[in-house]
Amino acid sequence: MATILSQYSTTGFYNAPVSKGLMGCMFLTCTALNVPLFAHFRKYLICKLPDAFLKGEIWRIASAKISFVDTKDLVCGSLLIYYFRVFERRYGSHKFASYLVASQVLTTVLEVLTILTLQWFSLDLHTGGFLPPGPYGVIFPLFVNYLFDIPRVAQTSVLGVPITGKTLTYLLGLQVCSTSPATAISALAGIVAGLLYRYNVLYVQQLPWVPGWLARGASATLGRLLASPPPPEGPSGATLELQRQEQIEMWEQQMMMNRAREMRNRPGANGAVHPLMQNFMGRRQNNPVQHPPPPPTEEQVQTLVEMGFDRQRVINALQTCNNDVNTATHLLLQES
């Protein structure tokens, strides 16, 4: 984990305090449950249906979703939260927190109904009705927005199968939900909950999942603790893989420029341009002069800025793409 997040661990949560706090809580709770001193608290993560209703222990349904108990799920789940922090920058912390609460509630309701329905038909996929512990309702609904809102950028292919910058994220989600049939059902319930919220079924988006006074209180008390400094100038893609790709491309271009300078400075070079730079430099020289497109609207600029891109780069990309947000997003994710 430290190796993967080494360079961007301190600045990667800029404008994403909810994601930072959620990821920290996941680590603290799972680590504490694996310490012998606090191991006895694991019993509160056990929830068996319908016994929880019959014994009046409905609170166990909520406590079962506090933490993962498997270290593998913890690591994969934390990485997914880190990748999905772009949505907090885009929606704002208050709206993002409301989304997480709503999706967790909807996922839990769907899980409980699914378990009771399976028991009604004498199908035991939960080892007797035990609810799988872990915040599946926080992670898997975000895959819906990740699928529809983050562009698919093809990087390579293996045996004809395209590998994109989003492939690793999907593989991490598959790793979390493949532990057992119960976890797969939890993941599926989370995806359905994400679809219900996205399409505002039963007007779930209008419900006050996180009241304004609570959001203001959390911002005043925990905001400074969870705040992160702005990232330095450099790669600012939406995910860690894209940041690394941008940085590698920038280094390659710098190496090509340095090699071209060396060739020009050699005796007898006569200012000739190295063949490696001909295609790179020839495009701008051959392009005819065009009138600049109209300036982008502030709403278009703000949409891409909240995804973590630099404002000036966003304006340049929108002008290049004739103010098309989707095309500009694709360009920003690929350019250096």
C-alpha atoms as a PDB file:
ATOM      1  CA  MET A   1       0.000   0.000   0.000  1.00  0.00           C
ATOM      2  CA  ALA A   2       2.789   2.420   0.897  1.00  0.00           C
ATOM      3  CA  THR A   3       4.521   1.690  -2.409  1.00  0.00           C
ATOM      4  CA  ILE A   4       1.400   2.278  -4.475  1.00  0.00           C
ATOM      5  CA  LEU A   5       0.487   5.563  -2.776  1.00  0.00           C
ATOM      6  CA  SER A   6       4.029   6.733  -2.049  1.00  0.00           C
ATOM      7  CA  GLN A   7       4.190   9.832  -4.231  1.00  0.00           C
ATOM      8  CA  TYR A   8       0.611  11.056  -3.976  1.00  0.00           C
ATOM      9  CA  SER A   9      -0.332   9.883  -0.481  1.00  0.00           C
ATOM     10  CA  THR A  10      -0.235  13.372   1.076  1.00  0.00           C
ATOM     11  CA  THR A  11      -1.727  15.386  -1.767  1.00  0.00           C
ATOM     12  CA  GLY A  12      -4.016  12.814  -3.356  1.00  0.00           C
ATOM     13  CA  PHE A  13      -6.904  13.683  -1.004  1.00  0.00           C
ATOM     14  CA  TYR A  14      -6.961  17.392  -1.844  1.00  0.00           C
ATOM     15  CA  ASN A  15     -10.622  18.511  -1.705  1.00  0.00           C
ATOM     16  CA  ALA A  16     -11.605  14.985  -0.624  1.00  0.00           C
ATOM     17  CA  PRO A  17     -11.771  14.977   3.216  1.00  0.00           C
ATOM     18  CA  VAL A  18     -14.681  12.502   3.339  1.00  0.00           C
ATOM     19  CA  SER A  19     -12.737   9.954   1.303  1.00  0.00           C
ATOM     20  CA  LYS A  20      -9.683  10.499   3.459  1.00  0.00           C
ATOM     21  CA  GLY A  21     -11.640  10.048   6.688  1.00  0.00           C
ATOM     22  CA  LEU A  22     -13.460   6.984   5.348  1.00  0.00           C
ATOM     23  CA  MET A  23     -10.227   5.324   4.283  1.00  0.00           C
ATOM     24  CA  GLY A  24      -8.623   6.091   7.655  1.00  0.00           C
ATOM     25  CA  CYS A  25     -11.602   4.684   9.565  1.00  0.00           C
ATOM     26  CA  MET A  26     -11.495   1.492   7.514  1.00  0.00           C
ATOM     27  CA  PHE A  27      -7.846   0.970   8.417  1.00  0.00           C
ATOM     28  CA  LEU A  28      -8.316   1.817  12.094  1.00  0.00           C
ATOM     29  CA  THR A  29     -11.335  -0.433  12.646  1.00  0.00           C
ATOM     30  CA  CYS A  30      -9.961  -3.433  10.777  1.00  0.00           C
ATOM     31  CA  THR A  31      -6.567  -3.119  12.480  1.00  0.00           C
ATOM     32  CA  ALA A  32      -8.178  -2.823  15.908  1.00  0.00           C
ATOM     33  CA  LEU A  33     -10.302  -5.931  15.349  1.00  0.00           C
ATOM     34  CA  ASN A  34      -7.148  -7.920  14.603  1.00  0.00           C
ATOM     35  CA  VAL A  35      -5.422  -6.811  17.834  1.00  0.00           C
ATOM     36  CA  PRO A  36      -5.976  -9.316  20.697  1.00  0.00           C
ATOM     37  CA  LEU A  37      -6.963  -6.495  23.067  1.00  0.00           C
ATOM     38  CA  PHE A  38      -9.967  -5.562  20.912  1.00  0.00           C
ATOM     39  CA  ALA A  39     -10.665  -8.912  19.260  1.00  0.00           C
ATOM     40  CA  HIS A  40     -13.737  -9.469  21.447  1.00  0.00           C
ATOM     41  CA  PHE A  41     -15.500  -6.621  19.580  1.00  0.00           C
ATOM     42  CA  ARG A  42     -15.746  -8.870  16.533  1.00  0.00           C
ATOM     43  CA  LYS A  43     -18.911 -10.398  17.926  1.00  0.00           C
ATOM     44  CA  TYR A  44     -20.696  -7.113  17.243  1.00  0.00           C
ATOM     45  CA  LEU A  45     -20.036  -7.540  13.528  1.00  0.00           C
ATOM     46  CA  ILE A  46     -22.010 -10.785  13.486  1.00  0.00           C
ATOM     47  CA  CYS A  47     -25.579 -10.427  12.255  1.00  0.00           C
ATOM     48  CA  LYS A  48     -27.777 -13.436  11.555  1.00  0.00           C
ATOM     49  CA  LEU A  49     -31.125 -12.997   9.890  1.00  0.00           C
ATOM     50  CA  PRO A  50     -33.952 -13.293  10.833  1.00  0.00           C
ATOM     51  CA  ASP A  51     -32.646 -13.796  14.411  1.00  0.00           C
ATOM     52  CA  ALA A  52     -31.720 -10.100  14.606  1.00  0.00           C
ATOM     53  CA  PHE A  53     -35.394  -9.201  14.167  1.00  0.00           C
ATOM     54  CA  LEU A  54     -36.701 -11.896  16.489  1.00  0.00           C
ATOM     55  CA  LYS A  55     -34.318 -10.937  19.329  1.00  0.00           C
ATOM     56  CA  GLY A  56     -34.768  -7.197  18.882  1.00  0.00           C
ATOM     57  CA  GLU A  57     -31.132  -6.697  17.829  1.00  0.00           C
ATOM     58  CA  ILE A  58     -31.747  -4.755  14.653  1.00  0.00           C
ATOM     59  CA  TRP A  59     -28.710  -2.610  15.484  1.00  0.00           C
ATOM     60  CA  ARG A  60     -26.543  -5.557  14.430  1.00  0.00           C
ATOM     61  CA  ILE A  61     -27.521  -4.913  10.820  1.00  0.00           C
ATOM     62  CA  ALA A  62     -25.784  -1.531  11.031  1.00  0.00           C
ATOM     63  CA  SER A  63     -22.819  -2.714  13.114  1.00  0.00           C
ATOM     64  CA  ALA A  64     -22.092  -5.488  10.606  1.00  0.00           C
ATOM     65  CA  LYS A  65     -21.311  -2.819   8.009  1.00  0.00           C
ATOM     66  CA  ILE A  66     -18.753  -0.914  10.058  1.00  0.00           C
ATOM     67  CA  SER A  67     -15.595  -2.734   9.007  1.00  0.00           C
ATOM     68  CA  PHE A  68     -14.059  -5.494   6.945  1.00  0.00           C
ATOM     69  CA  VAL A  69     -12.565  -8.403   8.854  1.00  0.00           C
ATOM     70  CA  ASP A  70     -10.397  -9.721   6.022  1.00  0.00           C
ATOM     71  CA  THR A  71      -7.139  -7.868   5.344  1.00  0.00           C
ATOM     72  CA  LYS A  72      -7.422  -8.584   1.623  1.00  0.00           C
ATOM     73  CA  ASP A  73     -10.812  -6.874   1.474  1.00  0.00           C
ATOM     74  CA  LEU A  74      -9.452  -3.977   3.513  1.00  0.00           C
ATOM     75  CA  VAL A  75      -6.557  -3.304   1.131  1.00  0.00           C
ATOM     76  CA  CYS A  76      -8.658  -3.624  -2.027  1.00  0.00           C
ATOM     77  CA  GLY A  77     -11.520  -1.591  -0.542  1.00  0.00           C
ATOM     78  CA  SER A  78      -9.161   1.194   0.542  1.00  0.00           C
ATOM     79  CA  LEU A  79      -7.622   1.411  -2.903  1.00  0.00           C
ATOM     80  CA  LEU A  80     -11.092   1.671  -4.430  1.00  0.00           C
ATOM     81  CA  ILE A  81     -11.994   4.513  -2.075  1.00  0.00           C
ATOM     82  CA  TYR A  82      -8.773   6.242  -3.110  1.00  0.00           C
ATOM     83  CA  TYR A  83      -9.604   5.873  -6.812  1.00  0.00           C
ATOM     84  CA  PHE A  84     -13.196   7.056  -6.290  1.00  0.00           C
ATOM     85  CA  ARG A  85     -12.165  10.246  -4.466  1.00  0.00           C
ATOM     86  CA  VAL A  86     -12.572  12.062  -7.791  1.00  0.00           C
ATOM     87  CA  PHE A  87     -16.347  11.943  -7.271  1.00  0.00           C
ATOM     88  CA  GLU A  88     -16.068  13.880  -4.017  1.00  0.00           C
ATOM     89  CA  ARG A  89     -14.140  16.602  -5.855  1.00  0.00           C
ATOM     90  CA  ARG A  90     -16.803  16.658  -8.520  1.00  0.00           C
ATOM     91  CA  TYR A  91     -19.929  16.600  -6.321  1.00  0.00           C
ATOM     92  CA  GLY A  92     -18.623  18.353  -3.221  1.00  0.00           C
ATOM     93  CA  SER A  93     -18.054  16.779   0.193  1.00  0.00           C
ATOM     94  CA  HIS A  94     -21.603  17.344   1.474  1.00  0.00           C
ATOM     95  CA  LYS A  95     -23.305  15.801  -1.546  1.00  0.00           C
ATOM     96  CA  PHE A  96     -20.752  12.989  -1.652  1.00  0.00           C
ATOM     97  CA  ALA A  97     -21.367  12.158   2.011  1.00  0.00           C
ATOM     98  CA  SER A  98     -25.118  12.129   1.381  1.00  0.00           C
ATOM     99  CA  TYR A  99     -24.547   9.778  -1.540  1.00  0.00           C
ATOM    100  CA  LEU A 100     -22.523   7.378   0.630  1.00  0.00           C
ATOM    101  CA  VAL A 101     -25.126   7.305   3.401  1.00  0.00           C
ATOM    102  CA  ALA A 102     -27.988   6.821   0.963  1.00  0.00           C
ATOM    103  CA  SER A 103     -26.228   4.081  -0.980  1.00  0.00           C
ATOM    104  CA  GLN A 104     -25.283   2.235   2.221  1.00  0.00           C
ATOM    105  CA  VAL A 105     -28.880   2.328   3.481  1.00  0.00           C
ATOM    106  CA  LEU A 106     -30.284   1.186   0.137  1.00  0.00           C
ATOM    107  CA  THR A 107     -27.704  -1.585  -0.168  1.00  0.00           C
ATOM    108  CA  THR A 108     -28.405  -2.873   3.337  1.00  0.00           C
ATOM    109  CA  VAL A 109     -32.157  -2.920   2.715  1.00  0.00           C
ATOM    110  CA  LEU A 110     -31.657  -4.828  -0.535  1.00  0.00           C
ATOM    111  CA  GLU A 111     -29.298  -7.291   1.181  1.00  0.00           C
ATOM    112  CA  VAL A 112     -31.732  -8.007   4.006  1.00  0.00           C
ATOM    113  CA  LEU A 113     -34.624  -8.524   1.588  1.00  0.00           C
ATOM    114  CA  THR A 114     -32.487 -10.823  -0.552  1.00  0.00           C
ATOM    115  CA  ILE A 115     -31.441 -12.982   2.409  1.00  0.00           C
ATOM    116  CA  LEU A 116     -34.996 -13.311   3.698  1.00  0.00           C
ATOM    117  CA  THR A 117     -36.238 -14.142   0.195  1.00  0.00           C
ATOM    118  CA  LEU A 118     -33.581 -16.827  -0.278  1.00  0.00           C
ATOM    119  CA  GLN A 119     -34.453 -18.341   3.097  1.00  0.00           C
ATOM    120  CA  TRP A 120     -38.109 -18.364   2.100  1.00  0.00           C
ATOM    121  CA  PHE A 121     -37.173 -20.521  -0.913  1.00  0.00           C
ATOM    122  CA  SER A 122     -34.807 -22.655   1.238  1.00  0.00           C
ATOM    123  CA  LEU A 123     -31.698 -21.408  -0.596  1.00  0.00           C
ATOM    124  CA  ASP A 124     -28.750 -21.026   1.767  1.00  0.00           C
ATOM    125  CA  LEU A 125     -26.095 -18.764   0.229  1.00  0.00           C
ATOM    126  CA  HIS A 126     -25.233 -16.955   3.470  1.00  0.00           C
ATOM    127  CA  THR A 127     -24.219 -19.918   5.687  1.00  0.00           C
ATOM    128  CA  GLY A 128     -27.409 -19.731   7.707  1.00  0.00           C
ATOM    129  CA  GLY A 129     -28.400 -16.111   7.062  1.00  0.00           C
ATOM    130  CA  PHE A 130     -25.252 -14.321   8.246  1.00  0.00           C
ATOM    131  CA  LEU A 131     -24.808 -10.858   6.768  1.00  0.00           C
ATOM    132  CA  PRO A 132     -21.250 -10.490   5.344  1.00  0.00           C
ATOM    133  CA  PRO A 133     -19.390  -7.813   7.345  1.00  0.00           C
ATOM    134  CA  GLY A 134     -17.981  -4.842   5.483  1.00  0.00           C
ATOM    135  CA  PRO A 135     -19.010  -1.500   3.928  1.00  0.00           C
ATOM    136  CA  TYR A 136     -19.986  -2.962   0.566  1.00  0.00           C
ATOM    137  CA  GLY A 137     -22.748  -0.390   0.297  1.00  0.00           C
ATOM    138  CA  VAL A 138     -20.181   2.407   0.316  1.00  0.00           C
ATOM    139  CA  ILE A 139     -17.866   1.012  -2.352  1.00  0.00           C
ATOM    140  CA  PHE A 140     -19.897  -0.807  -4.982  1.00  0.00           C
ATOM    141  CA  PRO A 141     -22.548   1.869  -5.710  1.00  0.00           C
ATOM    142  CA  LEU A 142     -19.689   4.116  -6.841  1.00  0.00           C
ATOM    143  CA  PHE A 143     -18.920   1.668  -9.649  1.00  0.00           C
ATOM    144  CA  VAL A 144     -22.104   2.877 -11.356  1.00  0.00           C
ATOM    145  CA  ASN A 145     -20.819   6.457 -11.578  1.00  0.00           C
ATOM    146  CA  TYR A 146     -17.351   5.173 -12.402  1.00  0.00           C
ATOM    147  CA  LEU A 147     -18.746   3.272 -15.376  1.00  0.00           C
ATOM    148  CA  PHE A 148     -20.828   6.118 -16.779  1.00  0.00           C
ATOM    149  CA  ASP A 149     -18.798   9.220 -15.869  1.00  0.00           C
ATOM    150  CA  ILE A 150     -15.123   8.251 -16.227  1.00  0.00           C
ATOM    151  CA  PRO A 151     -14.004   7.915 -19.868  1.00  0.00           C
ATOM    152  CA  ARG A 152     -12.661   4.607 -21.105  1.00  0.00           C
ATOM    153  CA  VAL A 153      -9.110   5.218 -22.357  1.00  0.00           C
ATOM    154  CA  ALA A 154      -7.604   2.202 -24.148  1.00  0.00           C
ATOM    155  CA  GLN A 155      -3.917   1.678 -23.378  1.00  0.00           C
ATOM    156  CA  THR A 156      -3.092  -1.787 -24.742  1.00  0.00           C
ATOM    157  CA  SER A 157      -4.653  -5.153 -25.450  1.00  0.00           C
ATOM    158  CA  VAL A 158      -3.925  -8.709 -24.347  1.00  0.00           C
ATOM    159  CA  LEU A 159      -5.154 -11.515 -26.613  1.00  0.00           C
ATOM    160  CA  GLY A 160      -7.550  -9.076 -28.220  1.00  0.00           C
ATOM    161  CA  VAL A 161      -8.976  -7.897 -24.871  1.00  0.00           C
ATOM    162  CA  PRO A 162      -8.532  -4.117 -24.400  1.00  0.00           C
ATOM    163  CA  ILE A 163      -6.748  -3.078 -21.205  1.00  0.00           C
ATOM    164  CA  THR A 164      -7.630   0.444 -20.075  1.00  0.00           C
ATOM    165  CA  GLY A 165      -6.849   2.686 -17.140  1.00  0.00           C
ATOM    166  CA  LYS A 166     -10.070   1.452 -15.513  1.00  0.00           C
ATOM    167  CA  THR A 167      -9.226  -2.264 -15.703  1.00  0.00           C
ATOM    168  CA  LEU A 168      -7.341  -2.391 -12.406  1.00  0.00           C
ATOM    169  CA  THR A 169     -10.246  -0.752 -10.600  1.00  0.00           C
ATOM    170  CA  TYR A 170     -12.687  -3.361 -11.893  1.00  0.00           C
ATOM    171  CA  LEU A 171     -10.276  -6.156 -10.945  1.00  0.00           C
ATOM    172  CA  LEU A 172     -10.042  -4.806  -7.397  1.00  0.00           C
ATOM    173  CA  GLY A 173     -13.830  -4.764  -7.141  1.00  0.00           C
ATOM    174  CA  LEU A 174     -13.973  -8.331  -8.449  1.00  0.00           C
ATOM    175  CA  GLN A 175     -11.414  -9.372  -5.848  1.00  0.00           C
ATOM    176  CA  VAL A 176     -13.529  -7.929  -3.033  1.00  0.00           C
ATOM    177  CA  CYS A 177     -16.818  -9.480  -4.137  1.00  0.00           C
ATOM    178  CA  SER A 178     -15.429 -12.922  -5.035  1.00  0.00           C
ATOM    179  CA  THR A 179     -14.815 -14.086  -1.470  1.00  0.00           C
ATOM    180  CA  SER A 180     -18.114 -15.967  -1.238  1.00  0.00           C
ATOM    181  CA  PRO A 181     -21.621 -16.019  -2.767  1.00  0.00           C
ATOM    182  CA  ALA A 182     -22.731 -13.781   0.103  1.00  0.00           C
ATOM    183  CA  THR A 183     -20.204 -11.060  -0.752  1.00  0.00           C
ATOM    184  CA  ALA A 184     -21.179 -11.310  -4.425  1.00  0.00           C
ATOM    185  CA  ILE A 185     -24.805 -10.680  -3.451  1.00  0.00           C
ATOM    186  CA  SER A 186     -23.700  -7.705  -1.331  1.00  0.00           C
ATOM    187  CA  ALA A 187     -21.782  -6.261  -4.290  1.00  0.00           C
ATOM    188  CA  LEU A 188     -24.745  -6.780  -6.616  1.00  0.00           C
ATOM    189  CA  ALA A 189     -27.044  -5.082  -4.101  1.00  0.00           C
ATOM    190  CA  GLY A 190     -24.613  -2.156  -3.992  1.00  0.00           C
ATOM    191  CA  ILE A 191     -24.643  -1.790  -7.772  1.00  0.00           C
ATOM    192  CA  VAL A 192     -28.455  -1.866  -7.807  1.00  0.00           C
ATOM    193  CA  ALA A 193     -28.471   0.772  -5.055  1.00  0.00           C
ATOM    194  CA  GLY A 194     -26.142   2.931  -7.152  1.00  0.00           C
ATOM    195  CA  LEU A 195     -28.517   2.668 -10.098  1.00  0.00           C
ATOM    196  CA  LEU A 196     -31.505   3.549  -7.901  1.00  0.00           C
ATOM    197  CA  TYR A 197     -29.750   6.664  -6.639  1.00  0.00           C
ATOM    198  CA  ARG A 198     -28.428   7.696 -10.044  1.00  0.00           C
ATOM    199  CA  TYR A 199     -31.860   7.583 -11.645  1.00  0.00           C
ATOM    200  CA  ASN A 200     -33.525   9.068  -8.544  1.00  0.00           C
ATOM    201  CA  VAL A 201     -35.957   6.182  -8.058  1.00  0.00           C
ATOM    202  CA  LEU A 202     -38.530   7.070  -5.370  1.00  0.00           C
ATOM    203  CA  TYR A 203     -36.853  10.528  -5.214  1.00  0.00           C
ATOM    204  CA  VAL A 204     -34.020   9.216  -3.043  1.00  0.00           C
ATOM    205  CA  GLN A 205     -31.797  12.147  -4.057  1.00  0.00           C
ATOM    206  CA  GLN A 206     -34.187  14.635  -2.459  1.00  0.00           C
ATOM    207  CA  LEU A 207     -34.075  13.020   0.996  1.00  0.00           C
ATOM    208  CA  PRO A 208     -31.865  14.794   3.602  1.00  0.00           C
ATOM    209  CA  TRP A 209     -29.464  11.907   4.192  1.00  0.00           C
ATOM    210  CA  VAL A 210     -26.870  14.263   5.735  1.00  0.00           C
ATOM    211  CA  PRO A 211     -28.513  17.405   7.193  1.00  0.00           C
ATOM    212  CA  GLY A 212     -26.872  20.733   6.523  1.00  0.00           C
ATOM    213  CA  TRP A 213     -26.228  21.451  10.207  1.00  0.00           C
ATOM    214  CA  LEU A 214     -24.399  18.131  10.547  1.00  0.00           C
ATOM    215  CA  ALA A 215     -22.278  18.835   7.468  1.00  0.00           C
ATOM    216  CA  ARG A 216     -21.359  22.287   8.789  1.00  0.00           C
ATOM    217  CA  GLY A 217     -20.496  20.875  12.202  1.00  0.00           C
ATOM    218  CA  ALA A 218     -18.292  18.173  10.702  1.00  0.00           C
ATOM    219  CA  SER A 219     -16.565  20.719   8.498  1.00  0.00           C
ATOM    220  CA  ALA A 220     -15.845  22.963  11.483  1.00  0.00           C
ATOM    221  CA  THR A 221     -14.549  20.174  13.727  1.00  0.00           C
ATOM    222  CA  LEU A 222     -13.018  17.546  11.431  1.00  0.00           C
ATOM    223  CA  GLY A 223     -12.402  19.670   8.342  1.00  0.00           C
ATOM    224  CA  ARG A 224      -8.992  20.914   9.445  1.00  0.00           C
ATOM    225  CA  LEU A 225      -7.922  17.477  10.635  1.00  0.00           C
ATOM    226  CA  LEU A 226      -8.792  15.847   7.313  1.00  0.00           C
ATOM    227  CA  ALA A 227      -7.710  18.718   5.047  1.00  0.00           C
ATOM    228  CA  SER A 228      -4.913  18.062   2.546  1.00  0.00           C
ATOM    229  CA  PRO A 229      -2.642  20.633   0.876  1.00  0.00           C
ATOM    230  CA  PRO A 230      -3.135  21.370  -2.831  1.00  0.00           C
ATOM    231  CA  PRO A 231      -1.150  19.115  -5.158  1.00  0.00           C
ATOM    232  CA  PRO A 232       2.039  20.477  -6.733  1.00  0.00           C
ATOM    233  CA  GLU A 233       2.219  21.308 -10.382  1.00  0.00           C
ATOM    234  CA  GLY A 234       2.493  18.166 -12.438  1.00  0.00           C
ATOM    235  CA  PRO A 235       0.366  15.165 -13.347  1.00  0.00           C
ATOM    236  CA  SER A 236      -3.190  15.605 -12.108  1.00  0.00           C
ATOM    237  CA  GLY A 237      -5.232  12.783 -13.680  1.00  0.00           C
ATOM    238  CA  ALA A 238      -8.323  11.335 -12.082  1.00  0.00           C
ATOM    239  CA  THR A 239      -6.680   8.062 -10.975  1.00  0.00           C
ATOM    240  CA  LEU A 240      -3.245   6.959  -9.854  1.00  0.00           C
ATOM    241  CA  GLU A 241      -2.645   4.935 -13.032  1.00  0.00           C
ATOM    242  CA  LEU A 242      -3.417   7.970 -15.193  1.00  0.00           C
ATOM    243  CA  GLN A 243      -1.121  10.144 -13.073  1.00  0.00           C
ATOM    244  CA  ARG A 244       1.710   7.685 -13.600  1.00  0.00           C
ATOM    245  CA  GLN A 245       1.010   7.462 -17.308  1.00  0.00           C
ATOM    246  CA  GLU A 246       1.088  11.257 -17.623  1.00  0.00           C
ATOM    247  CA  GLN A 247       4.374  11.411 -15.714  1.00  0.00           C
ATOM    248  CA  ILE A 248       5.972   8.715 -17.887  1.00  0.00           C
ATOM    249  CA  GLU A 249       4.860  10.478 -21.067  1.00  0.00           C
ATOM    250  CA  MET A 250       6.267  13.763 -19.765  1.00  0.00           C
ATOM    251  CA  TRP A 251       9.625  12.112 -19.039  1.00  0.00           C
ATOM    252  CA  GLU A 252       9.681  10.533 -22.510  1.00  0.00           C
ATOM    253  CA  GLN A 253       9.019  13.880 -24.164  1.00  0.00           C
ATOM    254  CA  GLN A 254      11.748  15.521 -22.089  1.00  0.00           C
ATOM    255  CA  MET A 255      14.194  12.808 -23.123  1.00  0.00           C
ATOM    256  CA  MET A 256      13.279  13.314 -26.786  1.00  0.00           C
ATOM    257  CA  MET A 257      13.780  17.068 -26.472  1.00  0.00           C
ATOM    258  CA  ASN A 258      17.168  16.602 -24.790  1.00  0.00           C
ATOM    259  CA  ARG A 259      18.225  14.127 -27.473  1.00  0.00           C
ATOM    260  CA  ALA A 260      17.222  16.573 -30.203  1.00  0.00           C
ATOM    261  CA  ARG A 261      19.261  19.349 -28.575  1.00  0.00           C
ATOM    262  CA  GLU A 262      22.289  17.069 -28.397  1.00  0.00           C
ATOM    263  CA  MET A 263      21.966  16.247 -32.096  1.00  0.00           C
ATOM    264  CA  ARG A 264      21.705  19.917 -33.027  1.00  0.00           C
ATOM    265  CA  ASN A 265      24.730  20.845 -30.905  1.00  0.00           C
ATOM    266  CA  ARG A 266      26.991  18.200 -32.457  1.00  0.00           C
ATOM    267  CA  PRO A 267      29.585  19.439 -34.982  1.00  0.00           C
ATOM    268  CA  GLY A 268      28.227  19.258 -38.519  1.00  0.00           C
ATOM    269  CA  ALA A 269      24.617  18.938 -37.415  1.00  0.00           C
ATOM    270  CA  ASN A 270      23.769  22.320 -39.051  1.00  0.00           C
ATOM    271  CA  GLY A 271      20.638  22.638 -36.959  1.00  0.00           C
ATOM    272  CA  ALA A 272      19.119  19.394 -38.317  1.00  0.00           C
ATOM    273  CA  VAL A 273      16.253  17.992 -36.353  1.00  0.00           C
ATOM    274  CA  HIS A 274      16.552  14.428 -35.085  1.00  0.00           C
ATOM    275  CA  PRO A 275      14.158  12.000 -36.823  1.00  0.00           C
ATOM    276  CA  LEU A 276      12.556  11.123 -33.486  1.00  0.00           C
ATOM    277  CA  MET A 277      11.354  14.736 -33.206  1.00  0.00           C
ATOM    278  CA  GLN A 278      10.146  15.250 -36.757  1.00  0.00           C
ATOM    279  CA  ASN A 279       6.644  13.860 -36.159  1.00  0.00           C
ATOM    280  CA  PHE A 280       6.463  15.488 -32.739  1.00  0.00           C
ATOM    281  CA  MET A 281       7.375  18.961 -34.008  1.00  0.00           C
ATOM    282  CA  GLY A 282       5.970  18.748 -37.510  1.00  0.00           C
ATOM    283  CA  ARG A 283       2.339  18.699 -36.487  1.00  0.00           C
ATOM    284  CA  ARG A 284       2.319  22.239 -35.147  1.00  0.00           C
ATOM    285  CA  GLN A 285       4.273  23.582 -38.128  1.00  0.00           C
ATOM    286  CA  ASN A 286       1.958  21.975 -40.692  1.00  0.00           C
ATOM    287  CA  ASN A 287      -1.316  22.919 -39.052  1.00  0.00           C
ATOM    288  CA  PRO A 288      -2.923  26.013 -40.607  1.00  0.00           C
ATOM    289  CA  VAL A 289      -3.826  28.987 -38.458  1.00  0.00           C
ATOM    290  CA  GLN A 290      -7.375  28.675 -37.138  1.00  0.00           C
ATOM    291  CA  HIS A 291      -9.600  31.117 -35.346  1.00  0.00           C
ATOM    292  CA  PRO A 292      -9.937  30.294 -31.660  1.00  0.00           C
ATOM    293  CA  PRO A 293     -13.258  28.779 -30.563  1.00  0.00           C
ATOM    294  CA  PRO A 294     -15.565  30.726 -28.239  1.00  0.00           C
ATOM    295  CA  PRO A 295     -14.511  30.666 -24.590  1.00  0.00           C
ATOM    296  CA  PRO A 296     -15.936  27.794 -22.515  1.00  0.00           C
ATOM    297  CA  THR A 297     -18.604  28.440 -19.932  1.00  0.00           C
ATOM    298  CA  GLU A 298     -17.763  28.535 -16.245  1.00  0.00           C
ATOM    299  CA  GLU A 299     -19.936  25.456 -15.667  1.00  0.00           C
ATOM    300  CA  GLN A 300     -17.896  23.438 -18.166  1.00  0.00           C
ATOM    301  CA  VAL A 301     -14.628  24.587 -16.610  1.00  0.00           C
ATOM    302  CA  GLN A 302     -15.791  23.872 -13.067  1.00  0.00           C
ATOM    303  CA  THR A 303     -16.958  20.362 -14.018  1.00  0.00           C
ATOM    304  CA  LEU A 304     -13.435  19.363 -15.071  1.00  0.00           C
ATOM    305  CA  VAL A 305     -11.642  21.333 -12.341  1.00  0.00           C
ATOM    306  CA  GLU A 306     -13.591  19.389  -9.700  1.00  0.00           C
ATOM    307  CA  MET A 307     -12.231  16.163 -11.214  1.00  0.00           C
ATOM    308  CA  GLY A 308      -8.743  17.261 -10.143  1.00  0.00           C
ATOM    309  CA  PHE A 309      -7.374  18.938 -13.276  1.00  0.00           C
ATOM    310  CA  ASP A 310      -5.575  22.278 -13.350  1.00  0.00           C
ATOM    311  CA  ARG A 311      -7.840  25.176 -14.361  1.00  0.00           C
ATOM    312  CA  GLN A 312      -5.611  26.496 -17.143  1.00  0.00           C
ATOM    313  CA  ARG A 313      -5.207  22.996 -18.609  1.00  0.00           C
ATOM    314  CA  VAL A 314      -8.986  22.597 -18.514  1.00  0.00           C
ATOM    315  CA  ILE A 315      -9.538  25.863 -20.411  1.00  0.00           C
ATOM    316  CA  ASN A 316      -6.942  24.923 -23.029  1.00  0.00           C
ATOM    317  CA  ALA A 317      -8.458  21.456 -23.478  1.00  0.00           C
ATOM    318  CA  LEU A 318     -11.978  22.824 -23.860  1.00  0.00           C
ATOM    319  CA  GLN A 319     -10.830  25.359 -26.445  1.00  0.00           C
ATOM    320  CA  THR A 320      -8.990  22.628 -28.348  1.00  0.00           C
ATOM    321  CA  CYS A 321     -12.073  20.367 -28.332  1.00  0.00           C
ATOM    322  CA  ASN A 322     -14.524  23.147 -29.238  1.00  0.00           C
ATOM    323  CA  ASN A 323     -15.938  23.149 -25.683  1.00  0.00           C
ATOM    324  CA  ASP A 324     -16.944  19.459 -25.756  1.00  0.00           C
ATOM    325  CA  VAL A 325     -16.613  18.263 -22.138  1.00  0.00           C
ATOM    326  CA  ASN A 326     -16.327  14.535 -22.922  1.00  0.00           C
ATOM    327  CA  THR A 327     -13.643  15.025 -25.557  1.00  0.00           C
ATOM    328  CA  ALA A 328     -11.782  17.474 -23.304  1.00  0.00           C
ATOM    329  CA  THR A 329     -11.847  14.942 -20.469  1.00  0.00           C
ATOM    330  CA  HIS A 330     -10.386  12.297 -22.761  1.00  0.00           C
ATOM    331  CA  LEU A 331      -7.664  14.743 -23.850  1.00  0.00           C
ATOM    332  CA  LEU A 332      -6.802  15.756 -20.274  1.00  0.00           C
ATOM    333  CA  LEU A 333      -6.438  12.113 -19.239  1.00  0.00           C
ATOM    334  CA  GLN A 334      -3.925  11.477 -22.043  1.00  0.00           C
ATOM    335  CA  GLU A 335      -1.916  14.680 -22.343  1.00  0.00           C
ATOM    336  CA  SER A 336       1.195  15.414 -20.334  1.00  0.00           C
END
